[in-house]
Amino acid sequence: CGSFPTRDLSFAGAYLPHAGQTMYAALVREIDSRLVASTSTVVPAGGAVSLPLAGRLQDGLSYRWDYFADTNADGLCTGPSFVEDHAWQIQVPEVDGNVILSRDHDTAFAAVCASF
């Protein structure tokens, strides 16, 4: 059985409305909804978020990047809506090399809490 090369994922965006709040992210494999990796960071004062994941993607597979800003600081994903945590999703089509994701804050929220 041969080994498959692994690829890196990096995410960046401007999330000034969530400065000081924790942002949680989950990398989920599409074919079976398996959680591949998770990470978190506190959104800095300027709002510029950067979340790297090294060596977690496999060529030929599709993923999704589910993430949320913990607006109520309870450590749980409760949303998405204007009165709960803000949550988003980015589709990662079939991987063929390192992946760079970029998305700034918007109100196109997604139901991603099952990933957490």
C-alpha atoms as a PDB file:
ATOM      1  CA  CYS A   1       0.000   0.000   0.000  1.00  0.00           C
ATOM      2  CA  GLY A   2       1.592   3.300  -1.064  1.00  0.00           C
ATOM      3  CA  SER A   3       1.467   6.438   0.953  1.00  0.00           C
ATOM      4  CA  PHE A   4      -0.273   9.592  -0.204  1.00  0.00           C
ATOM      5  CA  PRO A   5       1.342  13.013   0.055  1.00  0.00           C
ATOM      6  CA  THR A   6      -0.221  15.290   2.614  1.00  0.00           C
ATOM      7  CA  ARG A   7      -0.932  18.932   1.955  1.00  0.00           C
ATOM      8  CA  ASP A   8      -1.219  22.057   4.042  1.00  0.00           C
ATOM      9  CA  LEU A   9      -4.237  24.274   4.519  1.00  0.00           C
ATOM     10  CA  SER A  10      -4.065  27.906   5.516  1.00  0.00           C
ATOM     11  CA  PHE A  11      -7.001  30.190   6.262  1.00  0.00           C
ATOM     12  CA  ALA A  12      -6.967  33.970   6.589  1.00  0.00           C
ATOM     13  CA  GLY A  13      -9.633  36.632   6.862  1.00  0.00           C
ATOM     14  CA  ALA A  14     -10.705  39.909   8.439  1.00  0.00           C
ATOM     15  CA  TYR A  15     -13.025  39.408  11.434  1.00  0.00           C
ATOM     16  CA  LEU A  16     -12.874  42.748  13.245  1.00  0.00           C
ATOM     17  CA  PRO A  17     -16.433  42.395  14.665  1.00  0.00           C
ATOM     18  CA  HIS A  18     -15.126  39.395  16.636  1.00  0.00           C
ATOM     19  CA  ALA A  19     -11.920  40.914  18.031  1.00  0.00           C
ATOM     20  CA  GLY A  20     -11.200  39.392  21.439  1.00  0.00           C
ATOM     21  CA  GLN A  21     -13.461  36.396  20.813  1.00  0.00           C
ATOM     22  CA  THR A  22     -12.284  32.834  20.205  1.00  0.00           C
ATOM     23  CA  MET A  23     -12.661  31.438  16.697  1.00  0.00           C
ATOM     24  CA  TYR A  24     -12.871  27.659  16.382  1.00  0.00           C
ATOM     25  CA  ALA A  25     -12.332  25.759  13.130  1.00  0.00           C
ATOM     26  CA  ALA A  26     -12.808  22.168  12.014  1.00  0.00           C
ATOM     27  CA  LEU A  27     -11.487  20.459   8.898  1.00  0.00           C
ATOM     28  CA  VAL A  28     -13.992  17.777   7.866  1.00  0.00           C
ATOM     29  CA  ARG A  29     -13.528  15.157   5.157  1.00  0.00           C
ATOM     30  CA  GLU A  30     -16.552  15.306   2.817  1.00  0.00           C
ATOM     31  CA  ILE A  31     -16.789  11.623   1.878  1.00  0.00           C
ATOM     32  CA  ASP A  32     -17.600  10.462   5.425  1.00  0.00           C
ATOM     33  CA  SER A  33     -17.936  13.688   7.488  1.00  0.00           C
ATOM     34  CA  ARG A  34     -14.890  12.620   9.526  1.00  0.00           C
ATOM     35  CA  LEU A  35     -13.223  15.324  11.591  1.00  0.00           C
ATOM     36  CA  VAL A  36      -9.635  15.501  10.352  1.00  0.00           C
ATOM     37  CA  ALA A  37      -8.360  18.348  12.543  1.00  0.00           C
ATOM     38  CA  SER A  38      -9.513  21.230  14.672  1.00  0.00           C
ATOM     39  CA  THR A  39      -7.892  24.426  15.845  1.00  0.00           C
ATOM     40  CA  SER A  40      -8.742  27.718  17.495  1.00  0.00           C
ATOM     41  CA  THR A  41      -7.386  31.204  18.017  1.00  0.00           C
ATOM     42  CA  VAL A  42      -8.399  34.421  19.710  1.00  0.00           C
ATOM     43  CA  VAL A  43      -9.243  37.045  17.098  1.00  0.00           C
ATOM     44  CA  PRO A  44      -6.659  39.824  17.591  1.00  0.00           C
ATOM     45  CA  ALA A  45      -7.552  43.488  18.115  1.00  0.00           C
ATOM     46  CA  GLY A  46      -7.101  44.296  14.411  1.00  0.00           C
ATOM     47  CA  GLY A  47      -9.372  41.397  13.379  1.00  0.00           C
ATOM     48  CA  ALA A  48      -6.869  39.654  11.068  1.00  0.00           C
ATOM     49  CA  VAL A  49      -7.282  35.902  11.589  1.00  0.00           C
ATOM     50  CA  SER A  50      -4.772  33.328  10.390  1.00  0.00           C
ATOM     51  CA  LEU A  51      -5.247  29.603  10.994  1.00  0.00           C
ATOM     52  CA  PRO A  52      -2.745  27.149   9.446  1.00  0.00           C
ATOM     53  CA  LEU A  53      -3.010  23.348   9.428  1.00  0.00           C
ATOM     54  CA  ALA A  54       0.086  21.523   8.224  1.00  0.00           C
ATOM     55  CA  GLY A  55      -0.050  18.108   6.559  1.00  0.00           C
ATOM     56  CA  ARG A  56      -3.757  17.396   7.083  1.00  0.00           C
ATOM     57  CA  LEU A  57      -5.107  17.270   3.518  1.00  0.00           C
ATOM     58  CA  GLN A  58      -4.815  14.313   1.185  1.00  0.00           C
ATOM     59  CA  ASP A  59      -4.699  14.690  -2.585  1.00  0.00           C
ATOM     60  CA  GLY A  60      -7.846  13.523  -4.349  1.00  0.00           C
ATOM     61  CA  LEU A  61     -10.205  14.144  -1.416  1.00  0.00           C
ATOM     62  CA  SER A  62     -12.672  16.977  -0.801  1.00  0.00           C
ATOM     63  CA  TYR A  63     -13.128  18.710   2.524  1.00  0.00           C
ATOM     64  CA  ARG A  64     -15.063  21.456   4.213  1.00  0.00           C
ATOM     65  CA  TRP A  65     -13.742  24.126   6.558  1.00  0.00           C
ATOM     66  CA  ASP A  66     -16.327  24.767   9.269  1.00  0.00           C
ATOM     67  CA  TYR A  67     -15.663  27.613  11.681  1.00  0.00           C
ATOM     68  CA  PHE A  68     -17.377  29.875  14.155  1.00  0.00           C
ATOM     69  CA  ALA A  69     -16.772  32.912  16.343  1.00  0.00           C
ATOM     70  CA  ASP A  70     -17.775  32.182  19.933  1.00  0.00           C
ATOM     71  CA  THR A  71     -19.715  35.406  20.482  1.00  0.00           C
ATOM     72  CA  ASN A  72     -21.190  34.336  23.837  1.00  0.00           C
ATOM     73  CA  ALA A  73     -17.855  32.927  25.135  1.00  0.00           C
ATOM     74  CA  ASP A  74     -19.331  29.618  26.294  1.00  0.00           C
ATOM     75  CA  GLY A  75     -16.869  27.408  24.370  1.00  0.00           C
ATOM     76  CA  LEU A  76     -19.715  25.789  22.419  1.00  0.00           C
ATOM     77  CA  CYS A  77     -21.038  26.256  18.906  1.00  0.00           C
ATOM     78  CA  THR A  78     -24.545  27.675  19.270  1.00  0.00           C
ATOM     79  CA  GLY A  79     -25.738  29.222  16.063  1.00  0.00           C
ATOM     80  CA  PRO A  80     -25.721  30.484  13.474  1.00  0.00           C
ATOM     81  CA  SER A  81     -27.717  33.663  13.865  1.00  0.00           C
ATOM     82  CA  PHE A  82     -27.327  37.262  14.854  1.00  0.00           C
ATOM     83  CA  VAL A  83     -28.137  36.414  18.493  1.00  0.00           C
ATOM     84  CA  GLU A  84     -25.946  33.316  18.719  1.00  0.00           C
ATOM     85  CA  ASP A  85     -22.445  32.439  17.511  1.00  0.00           C
ATOM     86  CA  HIS A  86     -21.563  33.430  13.967  1.00  0.00           C
ATOM     87  CA  ALA A  87     -20.654  30.370  11.881  1.00  0.00           C
ATOM     88  CA  TRP A  88     -19.422  29.812   8.332  1.00  0.00           C
ATOM     89  CA  GLN A  89     -18.435  27.045   5.948  1.00  0.00           C
ATOM     90  CA  ILE A  90     -16.032  26.917   3.018  1.00  0.00           C
ATOM     91  CA  GLN A  91     -16.033  23.991   0.597  1.00  0.00           C
ATOM     92  CA  VAL A  92     -12.598  22.647  -0.308  1.00  0.00           C
ATOM     93  CA  PRO A  93     -12.893  20.841  -3.664  1.00  0.00           C
ATOM     94  CA  GLU A  94     -10.734  17.870  -4.564  1.00  0.00           C
ATOM     95  CA  VAL A  95      -7.258  18.601  -3.247  1.00  0.00           C
ATOM     96  CA  ASP A  96      -4.321  18.724  -5.637  1.00  0.00           C
ATOM     97  CA  GLY A  97      -1.679  20.624  -3.671  1.00  0.00           C
ATOM     98  CA  ASN A  98      -1.628  23.007  -0.732  1.00  0.00           C
ATOM     99  CA  VAL A  99      -4.852  24.947  -0.122  1.00  0.00           C
ATOM    100  CA  ILE A 100      -5.169  28.625   0.753  1.00  0.00           C
ATOM    101  CA  LEU A 101      -8.593  29.794   1.952  1.00  0.00           C
ATOM    102  CA  SER A 102      -9.514  33.434   2.303  1.00  0.00           C
ATOM    103  CA  ARG A 103     -12.821  34.846   3.503  1.00  0.00           C
ATOM    104  CA  ASP A 104     -13.694  37.998   5.386  1.00  0.00           C
ATOM    105  CA  HIS A 105     -16.534  38.440   7.859  1.00  0.00           C
ATOM    106  CA  ASP A 106     -19.990  38.383   6.301  1.00  0.00           C
ATOM    107  CA  THR A 107     -23.507  37.423   7.350  1.00  0.00           C
ATOM    108  CA  ALA A 108     -23.870  34.373   5.078  1.00  0.00           C
ATOM    109  CA  PHE A 109     -23.927  32.086   8.113  1.00  0.00           C
ATOM    110  CA  ALA A 110     -23.965  28.271   7.883  1.00  0.00           C
ATOM    111  CA  ALA A 111     -25.175  25.494  10.176  1.00  0.00           C
ATOM    112  CA  VAL A 112     -21.829  23.913  11.126  1.00  0.00           C
ATOM    113  CA  CYS A 113     -22.213  23.144  14.837  1.00  0.00           C
ATOM    114  CA  ALA A 114     -22.392  19.362  14.230  1.00  0.00           C
ATOM    115  CA  SER A 115     -18.664  19.515  13.382  1.00  0.00           C
ATOM    116  CA  PHE A 116     -17.846  20.612  16.916  1.00  0.00           C
END
